[in-house]
Amino acid sequence: MVFWIVLIIVVNLIALAVLIAYAIWLWHKASDVYSEIQMLSKRTEELADLLAQIGQEGDQYRLS
């Protein structure tokens, strides 16, 4: 009887350790995704600036 109680406790502790490890892994992945979203936002701003510069330079050569 005591064997089964100890076995159930050990299995639950292992499951808890796996759950914690998965939560940490998921947190790191979410952090990576957030970092990529920030980088995408920065690149979008850079692209908008470049397109604005192209638009300004194009206006100089436009025939009136």
PDB file of N, CA and C in Angstrom:
ATOM      1  N   MET A   1       0.821  -1.197   0.000  1.00  0.00           N
ATOM      2  CA  MET A   1       0.000   0.000   0.000  1.00  0.00           C
ATOM      3  C   MET A   1       0.861   1.255   0.000  1.00  0.00           C
ATOM      4  N   VAL A   2       1.887   1.279   0.833  1.00  0.00           N
ATOM      5  CA  VAL A   2       2.771   2.441   0.898  1.00  0.00           C
ATOM      6  C   VAL A   2       3.512   2.617  -0.425  1.00  0.00           C
ATOM      7  N   PHE A   3       3.832   1.492  -1.076  1.00  0.00           N
ATOM      8  CA  PHE A   3       4.521   1.548  -2.364  1.00  0.00           C
ATOM      9  C   PHE A   3       3.718   2.356  -3.377  1.00  0.00           C
ATOM     10  N   TRP A   4       2.417   2.130  -3.434  1.00  0.00           N
ATOM     11  CA  TRP A   4       1.579   2.825  -4.404  1.00  0.00           C
ATOM     12  C   TRP A   4       1.479   4.318  -4.094  1.00  0.00           C
ATOM     13  N   ILE A   5       1.429   4.649  -2.841  1.00  0.00           N
ATOM     14  CA  ILE A   5       1.378   6.066  -2.458  1.00  0.00           C
ATOM     15  C   ILE A   5       2.667   6.767  -2.862  1.00  0.00           C
ATOM     16  N   VAL A   6       3.798   6.127  -2.590  1.00  0.00           N
ATOM     17  CA  VAL A   6       5.097   6.697  -2.967  1.00  0.00           C
ATOM     18  C   VAL A   6       5.205   6.789  -4.487  1.00  0.00           C
ATOM     19  N   LEU A   7       4.750   5.763  -5.183  1.00  0.00           N
ATOM     20  CA  LEU A   7       4.793   5.767  -6.647  1.00  0.00           C
ATOM     21  C   LEU A   7       3.953   6.906  -7.215  1.00  0.00           C
ATOM     22  N   ILE A   8       2.766   7.097  -6.694  1.00  0.00           N
ATOM     23  CA  ILE A   8       1.898   8.180  -7.170  1.00  0.00           C
ATOM     24  C   ILE A   8       2.532   9.541  -6.881  1.00  0.00           C
ATOM     25  N   ILE A   9       3.128   9.698  -5.720  1.00  0.00           N
ATOM     26  CA  ILE A   9       3.794  10.962  -5.383  1.00  0.00           C
ATOM     27  C   ILE A   9       4.966  11.217  -6.321  1.00  0.00           C
ATOM     28  N   VAL A  10       5.765  10.195  -6.597  1.00  0.00           N
ATOM     29  CA  VAL A  10       6.917  10.344  -7.494  1.00  0.00           C
ATOM     30  C   VAL A  10       6.453  10.692  -8.903  1.00  0.00           C
ATOM     31  N   VAL A  11       5.436  10.007  -9.381  1.00  0.00           N
ATOM     32  CA  VAL A  11       4.915  10.292 -10.723  1.00  0.00           C
ATOM     33  C   VAL A  11       4.384  11.721 -10.792  1.00  0.00           C
ATOM     34  N   ASN A  12       3.696  12.163  -9.768  1.00  0.00           N
ATOM     35  CA  ASN A  12       3.177  13.534  -9.751  1.00  0.00           C
ATOM     36  C   ASN A  12       4.305  14.560  -9.698  1.00  0.00           C
ATOM     37  N   LEU A  13       5.362  14.269  -8.961  1.00  0.00           N
ATOM     38  CA  LEU A  13       6.504  15.190  -8.914  1.00  0.00           C
ATOM     39  C   LEU A  13       7.200  15.273 -10.268  1.00  0.00           C
ATOM     40  N   ILE A  14       7.320  14.137 -10.933  1.00  0.00           N
ATOM     41  CA  ILE A  14       7.911  14.144 -12.275  1.00  0.00           C
ATOM     42  C   ILE A  14       7.026  14.937 -13.237  1.00  0.00           C
ATOM     43  N   ALA A  15       5.722  14.733 -13.153  1.00  0.00           N
ATOM     44  CA  ALA A  15       4.796  15.480 -14.007  1.00  0.00           C
ATOM     45  C   ALA A  15       4.887  16.976 -13.728  1.00  0.00           C
ATOM     46  N   LEU A  16       5.028  17.343 -12.473  1.00  0.00           N
ATOM     47  CA  LEU A  16       5.171  18.753 -12.116  1.00  0.00           C
ATOM     48  C   LEU A  16       6.462  19.333 -12.686  1.00  0.00           C
ATOM     49  N   ALA A  17       7.546  18.568 -12.625  1.00  0.00           N
ATOM     50  CA  ALA A  17       8.823  19.025 -13.178  1.00  0.00           C
ATOM     51  C   ALA A  17       8.717  19.216 -14.690  1.00  0.00           C
ATOM     52  N   VAL A  18       8.047  18.298 -15.367  1.00  0.00           N
ATOM     53  CA  VAL A  18       7.854  18.418 -16.815  1.00  0.00           C
ATOM     54  C   VAL A  18       6.998  19.633 -17.133  1.00  0.00           C
ATOM     55  N   LEU A  19       5.968  19.854 -16.356  1.00  0.00           N
ATOM     56  CA  LEU A  19       5.095  21.010 -16.562  1.00  0.00           C
ATOM     57  C   LEU A  19       5.860  22.319 -16.382  1.00  0.00           C
ATOM     58  N   ILE A  20       6.694  22.391 -15.370  1.00  0.00           N
ATOM     59  CA  ILE A  20       7.501  23.596 -15.138  1.00  0.00           C
ATOM     60  C   ILE A  20       8.492  23.801 -16.276  1.00  0.00           C
ATOM     61  N   ALA A  21       9.137  22.716 -16.715  1.00  0.00           N
ATOM     62  CA  ALA A  21      10.088  22.821 -17.829  1.00  0.00           C
ATOM     63  C   ALA A  21       9.380  23.296 -19.098  1.00  0.00           C
ATOM     64  N   TYR A  22       8.191  22.777 -19.362  1.00  0.00           N
ATOM     65  CA  TYR A  22       7.429  23.194 -20.535  1.00  0.00           C
ATOM     66  C   TYR A  22       7.024  24.658 -20.431  1.00  0.00           C
ATOM     67  N   ALA A  23       6.635  25.100 -19.249  1.00  0.00           N
ATOM     68  CA  ALA A  23       6.255  26.504 -19.053  1.00  0.00           C
ATOM     69  C   ALA A  23       7.444  27.426 -19.306  1.00  0.00           C
ATOM     70  N   ILE A  24       8.620  27.027 -18.851  1.00  0.00           N
ATOM     71  CA  ILE A  24       9.823  27.830 -19.090  1.00  0.00           C
ATOM     72  C   ILE A  24      10.141  27.871 -20.578  1.00  0.00           C
ATOM     73  N   TRP A  25      10.061  26.711 -21.244  1.00  0.00           N
ATOM     74  CA  TRP A  25      10.320  26.653 -22.679  1.00  0.00           C
ATOM     75  C   TRP A  25       9.329  27.535 -23.428  1.00  0.00           C
ATOM     76  N   LEU A  26       8.056  27.470 -23.047  1.00  0.00           N
ATOM     77  CA  LEU A  26       7.028  28.274 -23.702  1.00  0.00           C
ATOM     78  C   LEU A  26       7.264  29.763 -23.476  1.00  0.00           C
ATOM     79  N   TRP A  27       7.713  30.134 -22.277  1.00  0.00           N
ATOM     80  CA  TRP A  27       8.022  31.529 -21.972  1.00  0.00           C
ATOM     81  C   TRP A  27       9.151  32.030 -22.876  1.00  0.00           C
ATOM     82  N   HIS A  28      10.178  31.209 -23.069  1.00  0.00           N
ATOM     83  CA  HIS A  28      11.283  31.599 -23.946  1.00  0.00           C
ATOM     84  C   HIS A  28      10.808  31.760 -25.392  1.00  0.00           C
ATOM     85  N   LYS A  29       9.962  30.866 -25.841  1.00  0.00           N
ATOM     86  CA  LYS A  29       9.442  30.973 -27.206  1.00  0.00           C
ATOM     87  C   LYS A  29       8.591  32.232 -27.367  1.00  0.00           C
ATOM     88  N   ALA A  30       7.768  32.529 -26.380  1.00  0.00           N
ATOM     89  CA  ALA A  30       6.949  33.745 -26.437  1.00  0.00           C
ATOM     90  C   ALA A  30       7.832  34.984 -26.440  1.00  0.00           C
ATOM     91  N   SER A  31       8.908  34.944 -25.684  1.00  0.00           N
ATOM     92  CA  SER A  31       9.854  36.057 -25.663  1.00  0.00           C
ATOM     93  C   SER A  31      10.510  36.228 -27.033  1.00  0.00           C
ATOM     94  N   ASP A  32      10.859  35.118 -27.679  1.00  0.00           N
ATOM     95  CA  ASP A  32      11.442  35.182 -29.016  1.00  0.00           C
ATOM     96  C   ASP A  32      10.461  35.770 -30.022  1.00  0.00           C
ATOM     97  N   VAL A  33       9.208  35.368 -29.940  1.00  0.00           N
ATOM     98  CA  VAL A  33       8.188  35.894 -30.852  1.00  0.00           C
ATOM     99  C   VAL A  33       8.007  37.391 -30.634  1.00  0.00           C
ATOM    100  N   TYR A  34       7.966  37.819 -29.376  1.00  0.00           N
ATOM    101  CA  TYR A  34       7.827  39.242 -29.063  1.00  0.00           C
ATOM    102  C   TYR A  34       9.016  40.030 -29.613  1.00  0.00           C
ATOM    103  N   SER A  35      10.215  39.470 -29.494  1.00  0.00           N
ATOM    104  CA  SER A  35      11.409  40.122 -30.021  1.00  0.00           C
ATOM    105  C   SER A  35      11.326  40.259 -31.542  1.00  0.00           C
ATOM    106  N   GLU A  36      10.853  39.217 -32.204  1.00  0.00           N
ATOM    107  CA  GLU A  36      10.709  39.272 -33.658  1.00  0.00           C
ATOM    108  C   GLU A  36       9.655  40.296 -34.073  1.00  0.00           C
ATOM    109  N   ILE A  37       8.590  40.423 -33.305  1.00  0.00           N
ATOM    110  CA  ILE A  37       7.562  41.425 -33.608  1.00  0.00           C
ATOM    111  C   ILE A  37       8.136  42.826 -33.467  1.00  0.00           C
ATOM    112  N   GLN A  38       8.958  43.045 -32.441  1.00  0.00           N
ATOM    113  CA  GLN A  38       9.606  44.348 -32.277  1.00  0.00           C
ATOM    114  C   GLN A  38      10.528  44.639 -33.459  1.00  0.00           C
ATOM    115  N   MET A  39      11.291  43.641 -33.907  1.00  0.00           N
ATOM    116  CA  MET A  39      12.190  43.822 -35.042  1.00  0.00           C
ATOM    117  C   MET A  39      11.389  44.113 -36.307  1.00  0.00           C
ATOM    118  N   LEU A  40      10.277  43.420 -36.494  1.00  0.00           N
ATOM    119  CA  LEU A  40       9.423  43.666 -37.650  1.00  0.00           C
ATOM    120  C   LEU A  40       8.875  45.084 -37.628  1.00  0.00           C
ATOM    121  N   SER A  41       8.508  45.566 -36.465  1.00  0.00           N
ATOM    122  CA  SER A  41       8.019  46.933 -36.324  1.00  0.00           C
ATOM    123  C   SER A  41       9.107  47.933 -36.701  1.00  0.00           C
ATOM    124  N   LYS A  42      10.320  47.675 -36.249  1.00  0.00           N
ATOM    125  CA  LYS A  42      11.443  48.563 -36.572  1.00  0.00           C
ATOM    126  C   LYS A  42      11.710  48.565 -38.074  1.00  0.00           C
ATOM    127  N   ARG A  43      11.696  47.384 -38.681  1.00  0.00           N
ATOM    128  CA  ARG A  43      11.935  47.293 -40.130  1.00  0.00           C
ATOM    129  C   ARG A  43      10.815  47.976 -40.911  1.00  0.00           C
ATOM    130  N   THR A  44       9.601  47.905 -40.420  1.00  0.00           N
ATOM    131  CA  THR A  44       8.479  48.569 -41.080  1.00  0.00           C
ATOM    132  C   THR A  44       8.658  50.082 -41.044  1.00  0.00           C
ATOM    133  N   GLU A  45       9.117  50.607 -39.914  1.00  0.00           N
ATOM    134  CA  GLU A  45       9.390  52.043 -39.817  1.00  0.00           C
ATOM    135  C   GLU A  45      10.503  52.447 -40.778  1.00  0.00           C
ATOM    136  N   GLU A  46      11.556  51.626 -40.867  1.00  0.00           N
ATOM    137  CA  GLU A  46      12.649  51.925 -41.790  1.00  0.00           C
ATOM    138  C   GLU A  46      12.155  51.915 -43.234  1.00  0.00           C
ATOM    139  N   LEU A  47      11.303  50.947 -43.570  1.00  0.00           N
ATOM    140  CA  LEU A  47      10.755  50.879 -44.922  1.00  0.00           C
ATOM    141  C   LEU A  47       9.894  52.102 -45.223  1.00  0.00           C
ATOM    142  N   ALA A  48       9.107  52.533 -44.257  1.00  0.00           N
ATOM    143  CA  ALA A  48       8.275  53.721 -44.455  1.00  0.00           C
ATOM    144  C   ALA A  48       9.145  54.956 -44.680  1.00  0.00           C
ATOM    145  N   ASP A  49      10.248  55.071 -43.935  1.00  0.00           N
ATOM    146  CA  ASP A  49      11.166  56.195 -44.133  1.00  0.00           C
ATOM    147  C   ASP A  49      11.792  56.156 -45.523  1.00  0.00           C
ATOM    148  N   LEU A  50      12.211  54.966 -45.955  1.00  0.00           N
ATOM    149  CA  LEU A  50      12.803  54.843 -47.291  1.00  0.00           C
ATOM    150  C   LEU A  50      11.793  55.185 -48.381  1.00  0.00           C
ATOM    151  N   LEU A  51      10.566  54.718 -48.221  1.00  0.00           N
ATOM    152  CA  LEU A  51       9.540  55.032 -49.218  1.00  0.00           C
ATOM    153  C   LEU A  51       9.230  56.524 -49.241  1.00  0.00           C
ATOM    154  N   ALA A  52       9.267  57.171 -48.089  1.00  0.00           N
ATOM    155  CA  ALA A  52       9.049  58.617 -48.038  1.00  0.00           C
ATOM    156  C   ALA A  52      10.182  59.346 -48.755  1.00  0.00           C
ATOM    157  N   GLN A  53      11.409  58.875 -48.578  1.00  0.00           N
ATOM    158  CA  GLN A  53      12.547  59.500 -49.262  1.00  0.00           C
ATOM    159  C   GLN A  53      12.435  59.320 -50.768  1.00  0.00           C
ATOM    160  N   ILE A  54      12.020  58.141 -51.194  1.00  0.00           N
ATOM    161  CA  ILE A  54      11.851  57.902 -52.628  1.00  0.00           C
ATOM    162  C   ILE A  54      10.760  58.809 -53.176  1.00  0.00           C
ATOM    163  N   GLY A  55       9.694  58.982 -52.426  1.00  0.00           N
ATOM    164  CA  GLY A  55       8.603  59.852 -52.858  1.00  0.00           C
ATOM    165  C   GLY A  55       9.048  61.295 -52.981  1.00  0.00           C
ATOM    166  N   GLN A  56       9.869  61.773 -52.068  1.00  0.00           N
ATOM    167  CA  GLN A  56      10.362  63.148 -52.110  1.00  0.00           C
ATOM    168  C   GLN A  56      11.309  63.346 -53.284  1.00  0.00           C
ATOM    169  N   GLU A  57      12.177  62.373 -53.534  1.00  0.00           N
ATOM    170  CA  GLU A  57      13.107  62.492 -54.653  1.00  0.00           C
ATOM    171  C   GLU A  57      12.373  62.389 -55.980  1.00  0.00           C
ATOM    172  N   GLY A  58      11.321  61.590 -56.029  1.00  0.00           N
ATOM    173  CA  GLY A  58      10.539  61.459 -57.253  1.00  0.00           C
ATOM    174  C   GLY A  58       9.813  62.742 -57.594  1.00  0.00           C
ATOM    175  N   ASP A  59       9.422  63.523 -56.600  1.00  0.00           N
ATOM    176  CA  ASP A  59       8.733  64.783 -56.841  1.00  0.00           C
ATOM    177  C   ASP A  59       9.646  65.797 -57.523  1.00  0.00           C
ATOM    178  N   GLN A  60      10.943  65.700 -57.319  1.00  0.00           N
ATOM    179  CA  GLN A  60      11.887  66.643 -57.928  1.00  0.00           C
ATOM    180  C   GLN A  60      11.951  66.462 -59.440  1.00  0.00           C
ATOM    181  N   TYR A  61      11.741  65.235 -59.914  1.00  0.00           N
ATOM    182  CA  TYR A  61      11.891  64.942 -61.333  1.00  0.00           C
ATOM    183  C   TYR A  61      10.561  64.923 -62.077  1.00  0.00           C
ATOM    184  N   ARG A  62       9.496  65.217 -61.388  1.00  0.00           N
ATOM    185  CA  ARG A  62       8.182  65.179 -62.013  1.00  0.00           C
ATOM    186  C   ARG A  62       8.008  66.417 -62.894  1.00  0.00           C
ATOM    187  N   LEU A  63       7.481  66.211 -64.078  1.00  0.00           N
ATOM    188  CA  LEU A  63       7.232  67.329 -64.989  1.00  0.00           C
ATOM    189  C   LEU A  63       5.950  68.034 -64.583  1.00  0.00           C
ATOM    190  N   SER A  64       5.985  69.337 -64.597  1.00  0.00           N
ATOM    191  CA  SER A  64       4.802  70.112 -64.210  1.00  0.00           C
ATOM    192  C   SER A  64       3.984  70.462 -65.421  1.00  0.00           C
TER     193      SER A  64
END
